Amino acid sequence: MTRAAADLILKTACQRVGLVGVSTHSFRRTALTRMHNAGIPLRVIQEISGHSSLEVLQRYLEVTDQQIVDAVKAISSKSNQNSF
């Protein structure tokens, strides 16, 4: 199946159920972000997605505000455990 055919099938299905803003690109971005959130190594995701570099891949990965908060908390709790 060509990319154009997949785009047309998805567009037609979304129109039938009233979904707006959905594309094969958004599906791809969501799949890559979900793999990343599941702990799949970036190099593995890069191979699956066919991106030429990690830099290009990282443009596709969404980061939520909660992930940032959790990352800061993780650092904070680790430094508190190492305090004398």
N, C-alpha and C. Protein backbone atom coordinates (compact mmCIF):
# COMPACT_ATOMS: atom_id res chain seq x y z
N MET A 1 0.85 -1.18 0.00
CA MET A 1 0.00 0.00 0.00
C MET A 1 0.90 1.24 0.00
N THR A 2 0.52 2.20 -0.80
CA THR A 2 1.29 3.43 -0.85
C THR A 2 0.87 4.36 0.29
N ARG A 3 1.73 5.33 0.56
CA ARG A 3 1.40 6.31 1.60
C ARG A 3 0.14 7.09 1.23
N ALA A 4 0.02 7.43 -0.04
CA ALA A 4 -1.15 8.18 -0.51
C ALA A 4 -2.44 7.38 -0.30
N ALA A 5 -2.36 6.08 -0.55
CA ALA A 5 -3.54 5.22 -0.36
C ALA A 5 -3.91 5.15 1.13
N ALA A 6 -2.90 5.02 1.98
CA ALA A 6 -3.16 4.98 3.42
C ALA A 6 -3.76 6.30 3.90
N ASP A 7 -3.24 7.41 3.39
CA ASP A 7 -3.78 8.73 3.74
C ASP A 7 -5.25 8.84 3.34
N LEU A 8 -5.57 8.38 2.15
CA LEU A 8 -6.95 8.47 1.66
C LEU A 8 -7.89 7.59 2.49
N ILE A 9 -7.46 6.38 2.81
CA ILE A 9 -8.30 5.48 3.62
C ILE A 9 -8.56 6.10 4.99
N LEU A 10 -7.51 6.61 5.61
CA LEU A 10 -7.66 7.22 6.93
C LEU A 10 -8.56 8.46 6.86
N LYS A 11 -8.33 9.30 5.87
CA LYS A 11 -9.13 10.53 5.72
C LYS A 11 -10.61 10.19 5.55
N THR A 12 -10.90 9.20 4.73
CA THR A 12 -12.29 8.79 4.49
C THR A 12 -12.92 8.25 5.77
N ALA A 13 -12.19 7.40 6.49
CA ALA A 13 -12.72 6.83 7.73
C ALA A 13 -12.97 7.92 8.76
N CYS A 14 -12.06 8.87 8.88
CA CYS A 14 -12.22 9.96 9.85
C CYS A 14 -13.40 10.85 9.51
N GLN A 15 -13.61 11.11 8.23
CA GLN A 15 -14.76 11.91 7.82
C GLN A 15 -16.06 11.21 8.18
N ARG A 16 -16.11 9.91 8.02
CA ARG A 16 -17.33 9.14 8.32
C ARG A 16 -17.71 9.23 9.79
N VAL A 17 -16.71 9.28 10.67
CA VAL A 17 -17.02 9.32 12.11
C VAL A 17 -16.86 10.71 12.72
N GLY A 18 -16.55 11.69 11.87
CA GLY A 18 -16.50 13.07 12.33
C GLY A 18 -15.23 13.48 13.06
N LEU A 19 -14.14 12.76 12.84
CA LEU A 19 -12.86 13.15 13.46
C LEU A 19 -12.15 14.18 12.60
N VAL A 20 -11.57 15.17 13.26
CA VAL A 20 -10.87 16.24 12.56
C VAL A 20 -9.42 16.27 13.06
N GLY A 21 -8.50 16.60 12.15
CA GLY A 21 -7.11 16.77 12.55
C GLY A 21 -6.32 15.49 12.68
N VAL A 22 -6.83 14.40 12.14
CA VAL A 22 -6.15 13.11 12.20
C VAL A 22 -5.45 12.87 10.87
N SER A 23 -4.23 12.36 10.95
CA SER A 23 -3.48 12.05 9.74
C SER A 23 -2.57 10.86 10.01
N THR A 24 -2.01 10.30 8.95
CA THR A 24 -1.05 9.22 9.15
C THR A 24 0.17 9.77 9.90
N HIS A 25 0.48 11.03 9.69
CA HIS A 25 1.60 11.65 10.41
C HIS A 25 1.31 11.72 11.91
N SER A 26 0.09 12.08 12.28
CA SER A 26 -0.24 12.15 13.71
C SER A 26 -0.22 10.76 14.34
N PHE A 27 -0.65 9.74 13.57
CA PHE A 27 -0.57 8.37 14.08
C PHE A 27 0.88 7.97 14.31
N ARG A 28 1.74 8.31 13.37
CA ARG A 28 3.17 7.98 13.47
C ARG A 28 3.78 8.67 14.68
N ARG A 29 3.49 9.94 14.84
CA ARG A 29 4.03 10.70 15.98
C ARG A 29 3.56 10.10 17.31
N THR A 30 2.29 9.76 17.37
CA THR A 30 1.73 9.16 18.59
C THR A 30 2.39 7.81 18.88
N ALA A 31 2.57 6.98 17.86
CA ALA A 31 3.19 5.68 18.05
C ALA A 31 4.62 5.83 18.57
N LEU A 32 5.37 6.74 18.00
CA LEU A 32 6.76 6.94 18.43
C LEU A 32 6.81 7.46 19.87
N THR A 33 5.92 8.39 20.20
CA THR A 33 5.87 8.93 21.57
C THR A 33 5.50 7.83 22.56
N ARG A 34 4.54 7.00 22.20
CA ARG A 34 4.13 5.91 23.10
C ARG A 34 5.26 4.91 23.32
N MET A 35 6.01 4.60 22.26
CA MET A 35 7.16 3.71 22.42
C MET A 35 8.17 4.32 23.39
N HIS A 36 8.43 5.60 23.20
CA HIS A 36 9.38 6.29 24.08
C HIS A 36 8.90 6.28 25.52
N ASN A 37 7.62 6.59 25.73
CA ASN A 37 7.05 6.59 27.08
C ASN A 37 7.06 5.20 27.71
N ALA A 38 7.05 4.16 26.89
CA ALA A 38 7.08 2.79 27.39
C ALA A 38 8.49 2.33 27.73
N GLY A 39 9.47 3.21 27.50
CA GLY A 39 10.85 2.88 27.85
C GLY A 39 11.65 2.20 26.74
N ILE A 40 11.12 2.18 25.53
CA ILE A 40 11.87 1.61 24.41
C ILE A 40 13.07 2.53 24.14
N PRO A 41 14.27 1.98 24.03
CA PRO A 41 15.46 2.81 23.78
C PRO A 41 15.31 3.62 22.48
N LEU A 42 15.83 4.85 22.51
CA LEU A 42 15.70 5.74 21.36
C LEU A 42 16.31 5.14 20.09
N ARG A 43 17.43 4.43 20.23
CA ARG A 43 18.05 3.84 19.04
C ARG A 43 17.13 2.79 18.40
N VAL A 44 16.39 2.07 19.21
CA VAL A 44 15.45 1.07 18.69
C VAL A 44 14.32 1.79 17.96
N ILE A 45 13.79 2.85 18.57
CA ILE A 45 12.72 3.62 17.93
C ILE A 45 13.22 4.23 16.63
N GLN A 46 14.46 4.70 16.64
CA GLN A 46 15.04 5.26 15.42
C GLN A 46 15.08 4.23 14.30
N GLU A 47 15.47 3.00 14.63
CA GLU A 47 15.51 1.94 13.61
C GLU A 47 14.11 1.62 13.09
N ILE A 48 13.14 1.53 13.99
CA ILE A 48 11.76 1.22 13.59
C ILE A 48 11.21 2.33 12.70
N SER A 49 11.46 3.58 13.08
CA SER A 49 10.88 4.71 12.36
C SER A 49 11.62 5.07 11.08
N GLY A 50 12.88 4.64 11.00
CA GLY A 50 13.66 4.95 9.80
C GLY A 50 14.24 6.35 9.79
N HIS A 51 14.24 7.03 10.94
CA HIS A 51 14.83 8.36 10.99
C HIS A 51 16.35 8.27 10.83
N SER A 52 16.90 9.26 10.16
CA SER A 52 18.33 9.24 9.86
C SER A 52 19.20 9.52 11.08
N SER A 53 18.64 10.18 12.08
CA SER A 53 19.43 10.50 13.27
C SER A 53 18.52 10.61 14.48
N LEU A 54 19.14 10.54 15.66
CA LEU A 54 18.37 10.73 16.89
C LEU A 54 17.83 12.15 16.97
N GLU A 55 18.57 13.09 16.42
CA GLU A 55 18.12 14.50 16.43
C GLU A 55 16.80 14.65 15.69
N VAL A 56 16.70 14.01 14.54
CA VAL A 56 15.46 14.09 13.76
C VAL A 56 14.33 13.37 14.51
N LEU A 57 14.62 12.20 15.05
CA LEU A 57 13.62 11.45 15.80
C LEU A 57 13.06 12.26 16.96
N GLN A 58 13.92 12.93 17.69
CA GLN A 58 13.48 13.65 18.88
C GLN A 58 12.50 14.77 18.57
N ARG A 59 12.48 15.25 17.35
CA ARG A 59 11.49 16.26 16.97
C ARG A 59 10.07 15.68 16.99
N TYR A 60 9.96 14.37 16.84
CA TYR A 60 8.66 13.71 16.82
C TYR A 60 8.13 13.39 18.20
N LEU A 61 9.00 13.33 19.20
CA LEU A 61 8.60 12.88 20.53
C LEU A 61 8.01 14.03 21.33
N GLU A 62 6.82 13.82 21.82
CA GLU A 62 6.16 14.83 22.62
C GLU A 62 6.58 14.69 24.08
N VAL A 63 6.76 15.82 24.76
CA VAL A 63 7.10 15.84 26.18
C VAL A 63 5.99 16.61 26.88
N THR A 64 5.40 15.98 27.90
CA THR A 64 4.32 16.63 28.63
C THR A 64 4.87 17.41 29.83
N ASP A 65 4.07 18.32 30.31
CA ASP A 65 4.45 19.08 31.51
C ASP A 65 4.66 18.13 32.69
N GLN A 66 3.81 17.09 32.78
CA GLN A 66 3.93 16.14 33.89
C GLN A 66 5.25 15.38 33.82
N GLN A 67 5.71 15.05 32.64
CA GLN A 67 7.00 14.36 32.50
C GLN A 67 8.14 15.25 33.00
N ILE A 68 8.05 16.53 32.74
CA ILE A 68 9.07 17.46 33.22
C ILE A 68 9.03 17.54 34.74
N VAL A 69 7.84 17.65 35.30
CA VAL A 69 7.68 17.70 36.76
C VAL A 69 8.24 16.42 37.38
N ASP A 70 7.90 15.26 36.81
CA ASP A 70 8.37 13.98 37.34
C ASP A 70 9.89 13.87 37.26
N ALA A 71 10.49 14.38 36.19
CA ALA A 71 11.94 14.33 36.05
C ALA A 71 12.62 15.17 37.12
N VAL A 72 12.08 16.35 37.39
CA VAL A 72 12.64 17.22 38.43
C VAL A 72 12.48 16.57 39.80
N LYS A 73 11.32 15.97 40.04
CA LYS A 73 11.09 15.28 41.32
C LYS A 73 12.07 14.12 41.50
N ALA A 74 12.35 13.41 40.44
CA ALA A 74 13.27 12.27 40.52
C ALA A 74 14.66 12.73 40.92
N ILE A 75 15.10 13.83 40.37
CA ILE A 75 16.41 14.39 40.72
C ILE A 75 16.39 14.87 42.16
N SER A 76 15.32 15.54 42.54
CA SER A 76 15.21 16.08 43.88
C SER A 76 15.21 14.98 44.92
N SER A 77 14.45 13.92 44.69
CA SER A 77 14.37 12.84 45.67
C SER A 77 15.70 12.09 45.75
N LYS A 78 16.42 11.97 44.64
CA LYS A 78 17.72 11.29 44.65
C LYS A 78 18.73 12.12 45.45
N SER A 79 18.71 13.44 45.28
CA SER A 79 19.68 14.26 46.01
C SER A 79 19.36 14.28 47.50
N ASN A 80 18.09 14.16 47.87
CA ASN A 80 17.71 14.09 49.29
C ASN A 80 18.17 12.78 49.91
N GLN A 81 18.17 11.70 49.15
CA GLN A 81 18.61 10.40 49.66
C GLN A 81 20.12 10.40 49.88
N ASN A 82 20.85 11.21 49.13
CA ASN A 82 22.30 11.23 49.24
C ASN A 82 22.78 12.28 50.23
N SER A 83 21.89 12.99 50.88
CA SER A 83 22.29 14.02 51.85
C SER A 83 22.80 13.38 53.11
N PHE A 84 23.70 14.09 53.79
CA PHE A 84 24.25 13.58 55.04
C PHE A 84 23.51 14.11 56.19
